[in-house]
């Protein structure tokens, strides 16, 4: 059983159409006009090296957006406010079983706070590891090394951690440090994966119990046989004495 499980957010805990795609459909702004921002300075915002409000403002003018950075971000965050309720129920069950659950996600500080506070993830998880706070993004090994260092304070080792992400490159990066991983695609596949892990533990326990029982059979058999011999000898002596 894992002591801690790390959950990615986008395309795992949140299953929503990207606001950028919606914005393009509604305004006619092309992907070639938006990608330079999201593939460029936005990455620095995620890594906590730049402020989204500041960096977003000049781009909004290029995209023809009428409004300021605050209003754009508000529309963006609310549009993607689509948490997977079934997965959140699973998180609750895991925590009820004593498993620590954390967010492990690439988020700039404003959306990270929105997810934690406004989407109420703070009441579902034990804590969060965001790229903006740790100053490094997935799939860098540094991201996971910082998490390992933090969880070690709770006596949790890498082999006792499971990382769930929709990106195989991030899962593989964590795996290189000894963290187990699952590439998320659908809820039922994760559910099966988690139950398989439990079944392995139960199988091991069952095998140990069977081996222990088998190891005691010779002892009990010998004891029964000795007990039978004692009874036979007793009655033989009894009847011989009467005669």
C-alpha atoms as a PDB file:
ATOM      1  CA  UNK A   1       0.000   0.000   0.000  1.00  0.00           C
ATOM      2  CA  UNK A   2       1.294   3.454  -0.889  1.00  0.00           C
ATOM      3  CA  UNK A   3       1.742   5.958   1.916  1.00  0.00           C
ATOM      4  CA  UNK A   4       1.430   8.959  -0.413  1.00  0.00           C
ATOM      5  CA  UNK A   5      -0.113   9.557  -3.844  1.00  0.00           C
ATOM      6  CA  UNK A   6       0.712  12.563  -6.026  1.00  0.00           C
ATOM      7  CA  UNK A   7      -1.955  13.753  -8.474  1.00  0.00           C
ATOM      8  CA  UNK A   8      -1.453  15.867 -11.559  1.00  0.00           C
ATOM      9  CA  UNK A   9      -4.216  18.427 -12.118  1.00  0.00           C
ATOM     10  CA  UNK A  10      -4.893  19.206 -15.790  1.00  0.00           C
ATOM     11  CA  UNK A  11      -6.268  16.231 -17.751  1.00  0.00           C
ATOM     12  CA  UNK A  12      -6.390  14.211 -14.534  1.00  0.00           C
ATOM     13  CA  UNK A  13      -8.257  15.945 -11.696  1.00  0.00           C
ATOM     14  CA  UNK A  14      -9.618  18.566 -14.093  1.00  0.00           C
ATOM     15  CA  UNK A  15     -11.116  17.249 -17.338  1.00  0.00           C
ATOM     16  CA  UNK A  16     -11.950  20.389 -19.254  1.00  0.00           C
ATOM     17  CA  UNK A  17     -11.585  21.792 -22.719  1.00  0.00           C
ATOM     18  CA  UNK A  18      -8.683  24.230 -22.802  1.00  0.00           C
ATOM     19  CA  UNK A  19      -9.693  27.837 -22.445  1.00  0.00           C
ATOM     20  CA  UNK A  20      -7.193  28.758 -25.154  1.00  0.00           C
ATOM     21  CA  UNK A  21      -9.045  26.573 -27.669  1.00  0.00           C
ATOM     22  CA  UNK A  22     -12.391  28.071 -26.613  1.00  0.00           C
ATOM     23  CA  UNK A  23     -10.996  31.606 -26.881  1.00  0.00           C
ATOM     24  CA  UNK A  24      -9.768  30.929 -30.405  1.00  0.00           C
ATOM     25  CA  UNK A  25     -13.171  29.598 -31.452  1.00  0.00           C
ATOM     26  CA  UNK A  26     -15.000  32.586 -29.990  1.00  0.00           C
ATOM     27  CA  UNK A  27     -12.684  35.337 -31.248  1.00  0.00           C
ATOM     28  CA  UNK A  28     -11.116  33.946 -34.381  1.00  0.00           C
ATOM     29  CA  UNK A  29      -7.619  34.465 -32.976  1.00  0.00           C
ATOM     30  CA  UNK A  30      -5.315  31.847 -34.481  1.00  0.00           C
ATOM     31  CA  UNK A  31      -3.234  29.322 -32.561  1.00  0.00           C
ATOM     32  CA  UNK A  32      -0.120  30.818 -34.148  1.00  0.00           C
ATOM     33  CA  UNK A  33      -0.909  34.059 -32.341  1.00  0.00           C
ATOM     34  CA  UNK A  34      -1.367  32.464 -28.912  1.00  0.00           C
ATOM     35  CA  UNK A  35       1.223  29.686 -28.870  1.00  0.00           C
ATOM     36  CA  UNK A  36       4.258  32.018 -28.668  1.00  0.00           C
ATOM     37  CA  UNK A  37       2.931  33.206 -25.297  1.00  0.00           C
ATOM     38  CA  UNK A  38       2.022  29.775 -23.889  1.00  0.00           C
ATOM     39  CA  UNK A  39       5.190  28.125 -25.218  1.00  0.00           C
ATOM     40  CA  UNK A  40       7.341  31.039 -24.108  1.00  0.00           C
ATOM     41  CA  UNK A  41       6.996  33.424 -21.189  1.00  0.00           C
ATOM     42  CA  UNK A  42       4.073  31.466 -19.721  1.00  0.00           C
ATOM     43  CA  UNK A  43       6.516  28.653 -18.921  1.00  0.00           C
ATOM     44  CA  UNK A  44       8.466  31.133 -16.792  1.00  0.00           C
ATOM     45  CA  UNK A  45       5.241  32.059 -15.003  1.00  0.00           C
ATOM     46  CA  UNK A  46       4.653  28.389 -14.229  1.00  0.00           C
ATOM     47  CA  UNK A  47       8.165  28.077 -12.861  1.00  0.00           C
ATOM     48  CA  UNK A  48       7.645  31.072 -10.579  1.00  0.00           C
ATOM     49  CA  UNK A  49      10.098  33.236 -12.519  1.00  0.00           C
ATOM     50  CA  UNK A  50       7.577  35.709 -13.931  1.00  0.00           C
ATOM     51  CA  UNK A  51       4.203  37.198 -12.983  1.00  0.00           C
ATOM     52  CA  UNK A  52       1.274  36.154 -15.187  1.00  0.00           C
ATOM     53  CA  UNK A  53      -0.635  39.420 -14.787  1.00  0.00           C
ATOM     54  CA  UNK A  54       2.349  41.449 -15.892  1.00  0.00           C
ATOM     55  CA  UNK A  55       3.324  39.204 -18.800  1.00  0.00           C
ATOM     56  CA  UNK A  56      -0.230  38.681 -20.052  1.00  0.00           C
ATOM     57  CA  UNK A  57      -1.191  42.358 -20.442  1.00  0.00           C
ATOM     58  CA  UNK A  58       0.671  43.175 -23.695  1.00  0.00           C
ATOM     59  CA  UNK A  59      -0.499  39.921 -25.296  1.00  0.00           C
ATOM     60  CA  UNK A  60      -4.159  40.685 -24.620  1.00  0.00           C
ATOM     61  CA  UNK A  61      -3.876  43.742 -26.866  1.00  0.00           C
ATOM     62  CA  UNK A  62      -2.403  41.601 -29.646  1.00  0.00           C
ATOM     63  CA  UNK A  63      -5.314  39.172 -29.313  1.00  0.00           C
ATOM     64  CA  UNK A  64      -7.870  41.968 -29.403  1.00  0.00           C
ATOM     65  CA  UNK A  65      -9.194  41.212 -25.933  1.00  0.00           C
ATOM     66  CA  UNK A  66     -11.273  43.988 -24.400  1.00  0.00           C
ATOM     67  CA  UNK A  67     -10.476  43.928 -20.705  1.00  0.00           C
ATOM     68  CA  UNK A  68      -7.559  43.634 -18.331  1.00  0.00           C
ATOM     69  CA  UNK A  69      -5.495  40.681 -17.189  1.00  0.00           C
ATOM     70  CA  UNK A  70      -7.689  40.114 -14.130  1.00  0.00           C
ATOM     71  CA  UNK A  71     -10.869  39.715 -16.179  1.00  0.00           C
ATOM     72  CA  UNK A  72      -9.137  37.426 -18.702  1.00  0.00           C
ATOM     73  CA  UNK A  73      -7.745  35.218 -15.951  1.00  0.00           C
ATOM     74  CA  UNK A  74     -11.125  35.109 -14.237  1.00  0.00           C
ATOM     75  CA  UNK A  75     -12.807  33.887 -17.443  1.00  0.00           C
ATOM     76  CA  UNK A  76      -9.995  31.394 -18.011  1.00  0.00           C
ATOM     77  CA  UNK A  77      -9.993  29.887 -14.537  1.00  0.00           C
ATOM     78  CA  UNK A  78     -13.781  29.670 -14.289  1.00  0.00           C
ATOM     79  CA  UNK A  79     -14.065  28.085 -17.729  1.00  0.00           C
ATOM     80  CA  UNK A  80     -11.717  25.282 -16.656  1.00  0.00           C
ATOM     81  CA  UNK A  81     -13.383  24.861 -13.263  1.00  0.00           C
ATOM     82  CA  UNK A  82     -14.447  21.312 -14.110  1.00  0.00           C
ATOM     83  CA  UNK A  83     -13.107  18.938 -11.453  1.00  0.00           C
ATOM     84  CA  UNK A  84     -13.641  15.213 -11.890  1.00  0.00           C
ATOM     85  CA  UNK A  85     -16.006  14.496  -8.997  1.00  0.00           C
ATOM     86  CA  UNK A  86     -15.582  10.740  -9.295  1.00  0.00           C
ATOM     87  CA  UNK A  87     -11.828  11.078  -8.922  1.00  0.00           C
ATOM     88  CA  UNK A  88     -12.217  13.425  -5.963  1.00  0.00           C
ATOM     89  CA  UNK A  89     -14.418  10.804  -4.259  1.00  0.00           C
ATOM     90  CA  UNK A  90     -11.629   8.286  -4.805  1.00  0.00           C
ATOM     91  CA  UNK A  91      -9.164  10.705  -3.205  1.00  0.00           C
ATOM     92  CA  UNK A  92     -11.437  10.963  -0.174  1.00  0.00           C
ATOM     93  CA  UNK A  93     -11.592   7.160   0.143  1.00  0.00           C
ATOM     94  CA  UNK A  94      -7.810   6.920  -0.082  1.00  0.00           C
ATOM     95  CA  UNK A  95      -7.372   9.512   2.647  1.00  0.00           C
ATOM     96  CA  UNK A  96      -9.926   7.707   4.807  1.00  0.00           C
ATOM     97  CA  UNK A  97      -7.659   4.659   4.485  1.00  0.00           C
ATOM     98  CA  UNK A  98      -4.691   6.658   5.750  1.00  0.00           C
ATOM     99  CA  UNK A  99      -3.069   7.474   2.397  1.00  0.00           C
ATOM    100  CA  UNK A 100      -1.647  10.988   2.079  1.00  0.00           C
ATOM    101  CA  UNK A 101      -2.799  12.699  -1.146  1.00  0.00           C
ATOM    102  CA  UNK A 102      -1.100  15.703  -2.740  1.00  0.00           C
ATOM    103  CA  UNK A 103      -1.277  17.820  -5.877  1.00  0.00           C
ATOM    104  CA  UNK A 104       1.864  17.659  -8.024  1.00  0.00           C
ATOM    105  CA  UNK A 105       1.288  20.097 -10.852  1.00  0.00           C
ATOM    106  CA  UNK A 106       2.721  22.736 -13.138  1.00  0.00           C
ATOM    107  CA  UNK A 107       0.764  25.872 -12.188  1.00  0.00           C
ATOM    108  CA  UNK A 108       1.579  29.549 -12.076  1.00  0.00           C
ATOM    109  CA  UNK A 109       0.718  31.107  -8.736  1.00  0.00           C
ATOM    110  CA  UNK A 110      -2.686  32.644  -9.558  1.00  0.00           C
ATOM    111  CA  UNK A 111      -4.279  29.539 -11.005  1.00  0.00           C
ATOM    112  CA  UNK A 112      -2.566  27.423  -8.353  1.00  0.00           C
ATOM    113  CA  UNK A 113      -4.301  29.490  -5.682  1.00  0.00           C
ATOM    114  CA  UNK A 114      -7.613  29.401  -7.572  1.00  0.00           C
ATOM    115  CA  UNK A 115      -7.537  25.594  -7.723  1.00  0.00           C
ATOM    116  CA  UNK A 116      -6.597  25.303  -4.067  1.00  0.00           C
ATOM    117  CA  UNK A 117      -8.985  27.914  -2.674  1.00  0.00           C
ATOM    118  CA  UNK A 118     -11.850  28.582  -5.106  1.00  0.00           C
ATOM    119  CA  UNK A 119     -12.137  25.005  -6.380  1.00  0.00           C
ATOM    120  CA  UNK A 120     -11.821  23.840  -2.780  1.00  0.00           C
ATOM    121  CA  UNK A 121      -9.056  21.312  -3.429  1.00  0.00           C
ATOM    122  CA  UNK A 122      -7.626  22.281  -0.054  1.00  0.00           C
ATOM    123  CA  UNK A 123     -10.404  20.233   1.547  1.00  0.00           C
ATOM    124  CA  UNK A 124      -9.625  17.157  -0.560  1.00  0.00           C
ATOM    125  CA  UNK A 125      -5.837  17.000  -0.352  1.00  0.00           C
ATOM    126  CA  UNK A 126      -3.174  16.969   2.346  1.00  0.00           C
ATOM    127  CA  UNK A 127      -1.039  19.500   0.526  1.00  0.00           C
ATOM    128  CA  UNK A 128       0.190  20.742  -2.845  1.00  0.00           C
ATOM    129  CA  UNK A 129       3.430  20.800  -4.785  1.00  0.00           C
ATOM    130  CA  UNK A 130       3.193  23.416  -7.519  1.00  0.00           C
ATOM    131  CA  UNK A 131       5.893  24.444  -9.955  1.00  0.00           C
ATOM    132  CA  UNK A 132       5.473  28.138  -9.107  1.00  0.00           C
ATOM    133  CA  UNK A 133       6.112  27.478  -5.416  1.00  0.00           C
ATOM    134  CA  UNK A 134       9.013  25.088  -5.982  1.00  0.00           C
ATOM    135  CA  UNK A 135      10.563  27.234  -8.758  1.00  0.00           C
ATOM    136  CA  UNK A 136      10.899  24.234 -11.065  1.00  0.00           C
ATOM    137  CA  UNK A 137       8.520  22.455 -13.448  1.00  0.00           C
ATOM    138  CA  UNK A 138       7.801  18.869 -14.379  1.00  0.00           C
ATOM    139  CA  UNK A 139       9.250  16.760 -15.871  1.00  0.00           C
ATOM    140  CA  UNK A 140      12.505  17.971 -14.307  1.00  0.00           C
ATOM    141  CA  UNK A 141      13.935  15.541 -11.760  1.00  0.00           C
ATOM    142  CA  UNK A 142      14.491  18.515  -9.455  1.00  0.00           C
ATOM    143  CA  UNK A 143      10.704  18.810  -9.160  1.00  0.00           C
ATOM    144  CA  UNK A 144      10.405  15.289  -7.791  1.00  0.00           C
ATOM    145  CA  UNK A 145      13.566  15.469  -5.705  1.00  0.00           C
ATOM    146  CA  UNK A 146      12.068  18.398  -3.801  1.00  0.00           C
ATOM    147  CA  UNK A 147       8.905  16.393  -3.183  1.00  0.00           C
ATOM    148  CA  UNK A 148      10.941  13.412  -1.972  1.00  0.00           C
ATOM    149  CA  UNK A 149      12.832  15.675   0.425  1.00  0.00           C
ATOM    150  CA  UNK A 150       9.596  17.108   1.794  1.00  0.00           C
ATOM    151  CA  UNK A 151       7.856  13.746   2.217  1.00  0.00           C
ATOM    152  CA  UNK A 152      10.929  12.232   3.859  1.00  0.00           C
ATOM    153  CA  UNK A 153      10.144  14.496   6.822  1.00  0.00           C
ATOM    154  CA  UNK A 154       7.057  12.303   7.300  1.00  0.00           C
ATOM    155  CA  UNK A 155       9.120   9.103   7.048  1.00  0.00           C
ATOM    156  CA  UNK A 156       7.811   8.410   3.528  1.00  0.00           C
ATOM    157  CA  UNK A 157      10.315   6.837   1.135  1.00  0.00           C
ATOM    158  CA  UNK A 158      10.236   7.150  -2.709  1.00  0.00           C
ATOM    159  CA  UNK A 159       9.139   3.506  -3.081  1.00  0.00           C
ATOM    160  CA  UNK A 160       6.091   4.326  -0.936  1.00  0.00           C
ATOM    161  CA  UNK A 161       4.972   7.119  -3.293  1.00  0.00           C
ATOM    162  CA  UNK A 162       2.708   6.819  -6.350  1.00  0.00           C
ATOM    163  CA  UNK A 163       2.626   9.554  -8.996  1.00  0.00           C
ATOM    164  CA  UNK A 164      -0.380   9.863 -11.328  1.00  0.00           C
ATOM    165  CA  UNK A 165       0.012  12.004 -14.448  1.00  0.00           C
ATOM    166  CA  UNK A 166      -1.308  11.984 -18.010  1.00  0.00           C
ATOM    167  CA  UNK A 167       2.186  12.610 -19.395  1.00  0.00           C
ATOM    168  CA  UNK A 168       4.440   9.550 -19.655  1.00  0.00           C
ATOM    169  CA  UNK A 169       7.584  11.726 -19.701  1.00  0.00           C
ATOM    170  CA  UNK A 170       6.729  13.080 -16.229  1.00  0.00           C
ATOM    171  CA  UNK A 171       5.902   9.607 -14.878  1.00  0.00           C
ATOM    172  CA  UNK A 172       9.213   8.277 -16.231  1.00  0.00           C
ATOM    173  CA  UNK A 173      11.136  11.151 -14.653  1.00  0.00           C
ATOM    174  CA  UNK A 174       9.622  10.344 -11.254  1.00  0.00           C
ATOM    175  CA  UNK A 175      10.272   6.620 -11.795  1.00  0.00           C
ATOM    176  CA  UNK A 176      13.989   7.302 -12.312  1.00  0.00           C
ATOM    177  CA  UNK A 177      14.062   8.418  -8.657  1.00  0.00           C
ATOM    178  CA  UNK A 178      12.249   5.352  -7.344  1.00  0.00           C
ATOM    179  CA  UNK A 179       8.688   6.719  -7.386  1.00  0.00           C
ATOM    180  CA  UNK A 180       6.009   4.381  -8.742  1.00  0.00           C
ATOM    181  CA  UNK A 181       3.857   5.794 -11.524  1.00  0.00           C
ATOM    182  CA  UNK A 182       0.642   5.470 -13.459  1.00  0.00           C
ATOM    183  CA  UNK A 183      -0.044   7.202 -16.774  1.00  0.00           C
ATOM    184  CA  UNK A 184      -3.616   8.413 -16.413  1.00  0.00           C
ATOM    185  CA  UNK A 185      -6.082   7.961 -19.265  1.00  0.00           C
ATOM    186  CA  UNK A 186      -9.403   6.964 -17.689  1.00  0.00           C
ATOM    187  CA  UNK A 187     -10.820   6.625 -14.209  1.00  0.00           C
ATOM    188  CA  UNK A 188     -11.617   2.911 -14.407  1.00  0.00           C
ATOM    189  CA  UNK A 189      -8.049   2.076 -15.447  1.00  0.00           C
ATOM    190  CA  UNK A 190      -6.668   3.903 -12.414  1.00  0.00           C
ATOM    191  CA  UNK A 191      -9.221   2.143 -10.206  1.00  0.00           C
ATOM    192  CA  UNK A 192      -8.101  -1.248 -11.552  1.00  0.00           C
ATOM    193  CA  UNK A 193      -4.437  -0.295 -11.116  1.00  0.00           C
ATOM    194  CA  UNK A 194      -4.929   0.662  -7.471  1.00  0.00           C
ATOM    195  CA  UNK A 195      -6.889  -2.510  -6.743  1.00  0.00           C
ATOM    196  CA  UNK A 196      -4.234  -4.634  -8.445  1.00  0.00           C
ATOM    197  CA  UNK A 197      -1.680  -3.155  -6.071  1.00  0.00           C
ATOM    198  CA  UNK A 198      -3.870  -4.112  -3.119  1.00  0.00           C
ATOM    199  CA  UNK A 199      -4.464  -7.594  -4.517  1.00  0.00           C
ATOM    200  CA  UNK A 200      -0.697  -8.141  -4.758  1.00  0.00           C
ATOM    201  CA  UNK A 201      -0.364  -7.289  -1.065  1.00  0.00           C
ATOM    202  CA  UNK A 202      -3.252  -9.591  -0.143  1.00  0.00           C
ATOM    203  CA  UNK A 203      -1.741 -12.381  -2.256  1.00  0.00           C
ATOM    204  CA  UNK A 204       1.608 -12.014  -0.489  1.00  0.00           C
ATOM    205  CA  UNK A 205      -0.113 -12.092   2.902  1.00  0.00           C
ATOM    206  CA  UNK A 206      -2.110 -15.183   1.874  1.00  0.00           C
ATOM    207  CA  UNK A 207       1.041 -16.995   0.732  1.00  0.00           C
ATOM    208  CA  UNK A 208       2.805 -16.185   4.010  1.00  0.00           C
ATOM    209  CA  UNK A 209      -0.168 -17.478   6.026  1.00  0.00           C
ATOM    210  CA  UNK A 210      -0.310 -20.713   3.989  1.00  0.00           C
ATOM    211  CA  UNK A 211       3.424 -21.288   4.435  1.00  0.00           C
ATOM    212  CA  UNK A 212       3.125 -20.745   8.187  1.00  0.00           C
ATOM    213  CA  UNK A 213       0.243 -23.215   8.396  1.00  0.00           C
ATOM    214  CA  UNK A 214       2.147 -25.795   6.364  1.00  0.00           C
ATOM    215  CA  UNK A 215       5.221 -25.383   8.548  1.00  0.00           C
ATOM    216  CA  UNK A 216       3.153 -26.248  11.657  1.00  0.00           C
ATOM    217  CA  UNK A 217       1.422 -29.317  10.181  1.00  0.00           C
ATOM    218  CA  UNK A 218       4.317 -31.721  10.971  1.00  0.00           C
ATOM    219  CA  UNK A 219       4.427 -30.437  14.553  1.00  0.00           C
ATOM    220  CA  UNK A 220       0.670 -30.900  15.075  1.00  0.00           C
ATOM    221  CA  UNK A 221       0.714 -34.301  13.402  1.00  0.00           C
ATOM    222  CA  UNK A 222       3.518 -35.489  15.646  1.00  0.00           C
ATOM    223  CA  UNK A 223       1.728 -34.101  18.702  1.00  0.00           C
ATOM    224  CA  UNK A 224      -1.486 -35.935  17.812  1.00  0.00           C
ATOM    225  CA  UNK A 225       0.356 -39.171  17.224  1.00  0.00           C
ATOM    226  CA  UNK A 226       2.155 -38.882  20.554  1.00  0.00           C
ATOM    227  CA  UNK A 227      -1.143 -38.151  22.263  1.00  0.00           C
ATOM    228  CA  UNK A 228      -2.652 -41.290  20.736  1.00  0.00           C
ATOM    229  CA  UNK A 229       0.267 -43.420  21.898  1.00  0.00           C
ATOM    230  CA  UNK A 230      -0.120 -42.092  25.463  1.00  0.00           C
ATOM    231  CA  UNK A 231      -3.823 -42.997  25.496  1.00  0.00           C
ATOM    232  CA  UNK A 232      -3.201 -46.512  24.125  1.00  0.00           C
ATOM    233  CA  UNK A 233      -0.455 -47.196  26.650  1.00  0.00           C
ATOM    234  CA  UNK A 234      -2.688 -46.006  29.486  1.00  0.00           C
ATOM    235  CA  UNK A 235      -5.566 -48.367  28.618  1.00  0.00           C
ATOM    236  CA  UNK A 236      -3.225 -51.248  27.969  1.00  0.00           C
ATOM    237  CA  UNK A 237      -1.742 -50.882  31.469  1.00  0.00           C
ATOM    238  CA  UNK A 238      -5.240 -50.454  32.965  1.00  0.00           C
ATOM    239  CA  UNK A 239      -6.611 -53.673  31.518  1.00  0.00           C
ATOM    240  CA  UNK A 240      -3.419 -55.578  32.237  1.00  0.00           C
ATOM    241  CA  UNK A 241      -3.713 -54.508  35.882  1.00  0.00           C
ATOM    242  CA  UNK A 242      -7.316 -55.833  36.121  1.00  0.00           C
ATOM    243  CA  UNK A 243      -6.317 -59.174  34.725  1.00  0.00           C
END
